[in-house]
Protein backbone atom coordinates (compact mmCIF):
# COMPACT_ATOMS: atom_id res chain seq x y z
CA UNK A 1 0.00 0.00 0.00
CA UNK A 2 3.12 2.15 0.00
CA UNK A 3 6.29 2.18 -2.06
CA UNK A 4 8.44 1.00 0.88
CA UNK A 5 8.36 -2.82 1.17
CA UNK A 6 7.25 -4.64 4.31
CA UNK A 7 10.40 -6.22 5.79
CA UNK A 8 11.30 -8.64 8.57
CA UNK A 9 12.16 -6.66 11.73
CA UNK A 10 10.21 -3.71 10.33
CA UNK A 11 8.50 -1.67 13.04
CA UNK A 12 4.98 -0.42 12.50
CA UNK A 13 1.88 0.75 14.33
CA UNK A 14 -1.04 -1.65 14.16
CA UNK A 15 -4.59 -0.34 14.14
CA UNK A 16 -7.07 -3.00 15.20
CA UNK A 17 -10.68 -2.12 16.01
CA UNK A 18 -10.32 0.92 18.33
CA UNK A 19 -6.85 0.00 19.59
CA UNK A 20 -3.38 0.88 18.42
CA UNK A 21 -0.12 -0.77 19.38
CA UNK A 22 3.37 -1.22 18.00
CA UNK A 23 4.36 -4.33 16.09
CA UNK A 24 7.47 -5.92 14.67
CA UNK A 25 7.29 -8.16 11.61
CA UNK A 26 8.95 -11.26 13.06
CA UNK A 27 8.67 -13.44 9.94
CA UNK A 28 7.50 -13.40 6.36
CA UNK A 29 6.42 -17.00 5.83
CA UNK A 30 5.76 -16.68 2.11
CA UNK A 31 4.53 -14.53 -0.74
CA UNK A 32 1.62 -15.69 -2.93
CA UNK A 33 2.06 -15.68 -6.71
CA UNK A 34 -1.32 -14.31 -7.81
CA UNK A 35 -1.11 -16.06 -11.19
CA UNK A 36 -0.50 -19.58 -9.89
CA UNK A 37 -1.36 -19.20 -6.17
CA UNK A 38 1.99 -20.85 -5.41
CA UNK A 39 3.79 -19.93 -2.21
CA UNK A 40 7.25 -18.41 -2.72
CA UNK A 41 9.96 -17.57 -0.20
CA UNK A 42 10.28 -13.81 0.17
CA UNK A 43 12.55 -11.55 2.21
CA UNK A 44 10.03 -8.70 1.88
CA UNK A 45 6.59 -7.84 0.49
CA UNK A 46 6.46 -5.07 -2.09
CA UNK A 47 3.55 -2.85 -3.10
CA UNK A 48 0.36 -4.90 -3.77
CA UNK A 49 1.97 -8.24 -2.94
CA UNK A 50 0.10 -10.77 -0.83
CA UNK A 51 1.82 -12.90 1.76
CA UNK A 52 1.61 -14.56 5.13
CA UNK A 53 3.48 -12.88 7.98
CA UNK A 54 3.92 -13.25 11.72
CA UNK A 55 3.70 -10.16 13.89
CA UNK A 56 4.86 -9.54 17.44
CA UNK A 57 2.77 -6.91 19.23
CA UNK A 58 3.70 -4.61 22.12
CA UNK A 59 0.28 -5.11 23.73
CA UNK A 60 -2.28 -7.90 23.68
CA UNK A 61 -5.05 -7.56 21.10
CA UNK A 62 -8.45 -9.25 21.24
CA UNK A 63 -8.63 -11.01 17.88
CA UNK A 64 -10.73 -13.57 16.05
CA UNK A 65 -10.06 -15.33 12.77
CA UNK A 66 -11.26 -13.15 9.89
CA UNK A 67 -13.61 -15.91 8.69
CA UNK A 68 -15.40 -15.75 12.04
CA UNK A 69 -15.53 -11.98 12.63
CA UNK A 70 -14.38 -9.40 10.08
CA UNK A 71 -14.23 -6.56 12.61
CA UNK A 72 -11.87 -8.27 15.07
CA UNK A 73 -10.11 -10.31 12.39
CA UNK A 74 -8.65 -7.47 10.36
CA UNK A 75 -6.05 -4.75 10.90
CA UNK A 76 -3.87 -2.20 9.16
CA UNK A 77 -0.17 -1.51 9.57
CA UNK A 78 1.04 2.08 9.54
CA UNK A 79 4.62 3.23 9.00
CA UNK A 80 5.15 5.42 12.05
CA UNK A 81 7.84 7.52 10.36
CA UNK A 82 5.74 8.55 7.37
CA UNK A 83 2.16 7.88 8.46
CA UNK A 84 1.63 5.81 5.30
CA UNK A 85 -0.45 2.66 5.38
CA UNK A 86 2.13 -0.11 5.00
CA UNK A 87 -0.33 -2.98 4.71
CA UNK A 88 -3.68 -4.47 5.59
CA UNK A 89 -4.23 -7.91 7.00
CA UNK A 90 -6.60 -10.65 7.94
CA UNK A 91 -6.05 -12.76 11.04
CA UNK A 92 -5.76 -16.49 10.38
CA UNK A 93 -4.75 -17.47 13.91
CA UNK A 94 -2.76 -16.46 16.96
CA UNK A 95 -0.33 -17.93 19.43
C-alpha atoms as a PDB file:
ATOM      1  CA  UNK A   1       0.000   0.000   0.000  1.00  0.00           C
ATOM      2  CA  UNK A   2       3.117   2.153  -0.004  1.00  0.00           C
ATOM      3  CA  UNK A   3       6.291   2.181  -2.062  1.00  0.00           C
ATOM      4  CA  UNK A   4       8.438   1.002   0.880  1.00  0.00           C
ATOM      5  CA  UNK A   5       8.364  -2.815   1.169  1.00  0.00           C
ATOM      6  CA  UNK A   6       7.254  -4.641   4.306  1.00  0.00           C
ATOM      7  CA  UNK A   7      10.397  -6.223   5.788  1.00  0.00           C
ATOM      8  CA  UNK A   8      11.296  -8.638   8.565  1.00  0.00           C
ATOM      9  CA  UNK A   9      12.163  -6.658  11.729  1.00  0.00           C
ATOM     10  CA  UNK A  10      10.211  -3.710  10.333  1.00  0.00           C
ATOM     11  CA  UNK A  11       8.499  -1.666  13.040  1.00  0.00           C
ATOM     12  CA  UNK A  12       4.978  -0.421  12.504  1.00  0.00           C
ATOM     13  CA  UNK A  13       1.883   0.753  14.330  1.00  0.00           C
ATOM     14  CA  UNK A  14      -1.036  -1.649  14.161  1.00  0.00           C
ATOM     15  CA  UNK A  15      -4.588  -0.344  14.138  1.00  0.00           C
ATOM     16  CA  UNK A  16      -7.067  -3.002  15.199  1.00  0.00           C
ATOM     17  CA  UNK A  17     -10.679  -2.117  16.011  1.00  0.00           C
ATOM     18  CA  UNK A  18     -10.316   0.915  18.329  1.00  0.00           C
ATOM     19  CA  UNK A  19      -6.845  -0.005  19.590  1.00  0.00           C
ATOM     20  CA  UNK A  20      -3.385   0.875  18.416  1.00  0.00           C
ATOM     21  CA  UNK A  21      -0.115  -0.768  19.381  1.00  0.00           C
ATOM     22  CA  UNK A  22       3.367  -1.224  18.004  1.00  0.00           C
ATOM     23  CA  UNK A  23       4.359  -4.335  16.092  1.00  0.00           C
ATOM     24  CA  UNK A  24       7.467  -5.921  14.665  1.00  0.00           C
ATOM     25  CA  UNK A  25       7.291  -8.159  11.610  1.00  0.00           C
ATOM     26  CA  UNK A  26       8.949 -11.259  13.056  1.00  0.00           C
ATOM     27  CA  UNK A  27       8.671 -13.443   9.944  1.00  0.00           C
ATOM     28  CA  UNK A  28       7.495 -13.399   6.357  1.00  0.00           C
ATOM     29  CA  UNK A  29       6.424 -17.002   5.826  1.00  0.00           C
ATOM     30  CA  UNK A  30       5.759 -16.676   2.105  1.00  0.00           C
ATOM     31  CA  UNK A  31       4.526 -14.529  -0.744  1.00  0.00           C
ATOM     32  CA  UNK A  32       1.617 -15.692  -2.929  1.00  0.00           C
ATOM     33  CA  UNK A  33       2.061 -15.683  -6.709  1.00  0.00           C
ATOM     34  CA  UNK A  34      -1.315 -14.308  -7.810  1.00  0.00           C
ATOM     35  CA  UNK A  35      -1.110 -16.061 -11.195  1.00  0.00           C
ATOM     36  CA  UNK A  36      -0.499 -19.579  -9.885  1.00  0.00           C
ATOM     37  CA  UNK A  37      -1.364 -19.203  -6.166  1.00  0.00           C
ATOM     38  CA  UNK A  38       1.991 -20.849  -5.408  1.00  0.00           C
ATOM     39  CA  UNK A  39       3.791 -19.927  -2.207  1.00  0.00           C
ATOM     40  CA  UNK A  40       7.253 -18.413  -2.715  1.00  0.00           C
ATOM     41  CA  UNK A  41       9.961 -17.571  -0.196  1.00  0.00           C
ATOM     42  CA  UNK A  42      10.276 -13.811   0.167  1.00  0.00           C
ATOM     43  CA  UNK A  43      12.553 -11.551   2.212  1.00  0.00           C
ATOM     44  CA  UNK A  44      10.025  -8.698   1.881  1.00  0.00           C
ATOM     45  CA  UNK A  45       6.592  -7.840   0.494  1.00  0.00           C
ATOM     46  CA  UNK A  46       6.462  -5.074  -2.089  1.00  0.00           C
ATOM     47  CA  UNK A  47       3.546  -2.852  -3.098  1.00  0.00           C
ATOM     48  CA  UNK A  48       0.358  -4.897  -3.773  1.00  0.00           C
ATOM     49  CA  UNK A  49       1.970  -8.239  -2.941  1.00  0.00           C
ATOM     50  CA  UNK A  50       0.105 -10.767  -0.830  1.00  0.00           C
ATOM     51  CA  UNK A  51       1.822 -12.902   1.758  1.00  0.00           C
ATOM     52  CA  UNK A  52       1.614 -14.558   5.132  1.00  0.00           C
ATOM     53  CA  UNK A  53       3.479 -12.876   7.975  1.00  0.00           C
ATOM     54  CA  UNK A  54       3.922 -13.254  11.718  1.00  0.00           C
ATOM     55  CA  UNK A  55       3.702 -10.162  13.888  1.00  0.00           C
ATOM     56  CA  UNK A  56       4.860  -9.543  17.444  1.00  0.00           C
ATOM     57  CA  UNK A  57       2.773  -6.907  19.231  1.00  0.00           C
ATOM     58  CA  UNK A  58       3.700  -4.615  22.117  1.00  0.00           C
ATOM     59  CA  UNK A  59       0.283  -5.105  23.728  1.00  0.00           C
ATOM     60  CA  UNK A  60      -2.281  -7.902  23.677  1.00  0.00           C
ATOM     61  CA  UNK A  61      -5.050  -7.557  21.098  1.00  0.00           C
ATOM     62  CA  UNK A  62      -8.450  -9.250  21.241  1.00  0.00           C
ATOM     63  CA  UNK A  63      -8.635 -11.013  17.881  1.00  0.00           C
ATOM     64  CA  UNK A  64     -10.726 -13.574  16.050  1.00  0.00           C
ATOM     65  CA  UNK A  65     -10.061 -15.332  12.773  1.00  0.00           C
ATOM     66  CA  UNK A  66     -11.265 -13.152   9.887  1.00  0.00           C
ATOM     67  CA  UNK A  67     -13.614 -15.906   8.686  1.00  0.00           C
ATOM     68  CA  UNK A  68     -15.400 -15.754  12.042  1.00  0.00           C
ATOM     69  CA  UNK A  69     -15.527 -11.978  12.634  1.00  0.00           C
ATOM     70  CA  UNK A  70     -14.378  -9.405  10.080  1.00  0.00           C
ATOM     71  CA  UNK A  71     -14.227  -6.560  12.610  1.00  0.00           C
ATOM     72  CA  UNK A  72     -11.870  -8.268  15.066  1.00  0.00           C
ATOM     73  CA  UNK A  73     -10.110 -10.312  12.395  1.00  0.00           C
ATOM     74  CA  UNK A  74      -8.648  -7.469  10.362  1.00  0.00           C
ATOM     75  CA  UNK A  75      -6.052  -4.747  10.900  1.00  0.00           C
ATOM     76  CA  UNK A  76      -3.874  -2.201   9.157  1.00  0.00           C
ATOM     77  CA  UNK A  77      -0.170  -1.513   9.573  1.00  0.00           C
ATOM     78  CA  UNK A  78       1.039   2.079   9.536  1.00  0.00           C
ATOM     79  CA  UNK A  79       4.617   3.233   8.999  1.00  0.00           C
ATOM     80  CA  UNK A  80       5.154   5.424  12.048  1.00  0.00           C
ATOM     81  CA  UNK A  81       7.837   7.516  10.365  1.00  0.00           C
ATOM     82  CA  UNK A  82       5.737   8.551   7.367  1.00  0.00           C
ATOM     83  CA  UNK A  83       2.158   7.882   8.460  1.00  0.00           C
ATOM     84  CA  UNK A  84       1.634   5.813   5.298  1.00  0.00           C
ATOM     85  CA  UNK A  85      -0.454   2.657   5.384  1.00  0.00           C
ATOM     86  CA  UNK A  86       2.129  -0.109   4.998  1.00  0.00           C
ATOM     87  CA  UNK A  87      -0.333  -2.983   4.714  1.00  0.00           C
ATOM     88  CA  UNK A  88      -3.680  -4.467   5.592  1.00  0.00           C
ATOM     89  CA  UNK A  89      -4.231  -7.907   7.001  1.00  0.00           C
ATOM     90  CA  UNK A  90      -6.604 -10.649   7.942  1.00  0.00           C
ATOM     91  CA  UNK A  91      -6.045 -12.759  11.042  1.00  0.00           C
ATOM     92  CA  UNK A  92      -5.759 -16.489  10.384  1.00  0.00           C
ATOM     93  CA  UNK A  93      -4.751 -17.471  13.911  1.00  0.00           C
ATOM     94  CA  UNK A  94      -2.764 -16.464  16.960  1.00  0.00           C
ATOM     95  CA  UNK A  95      -0.331 -17.935  19.430  1.00  0.00           C
END
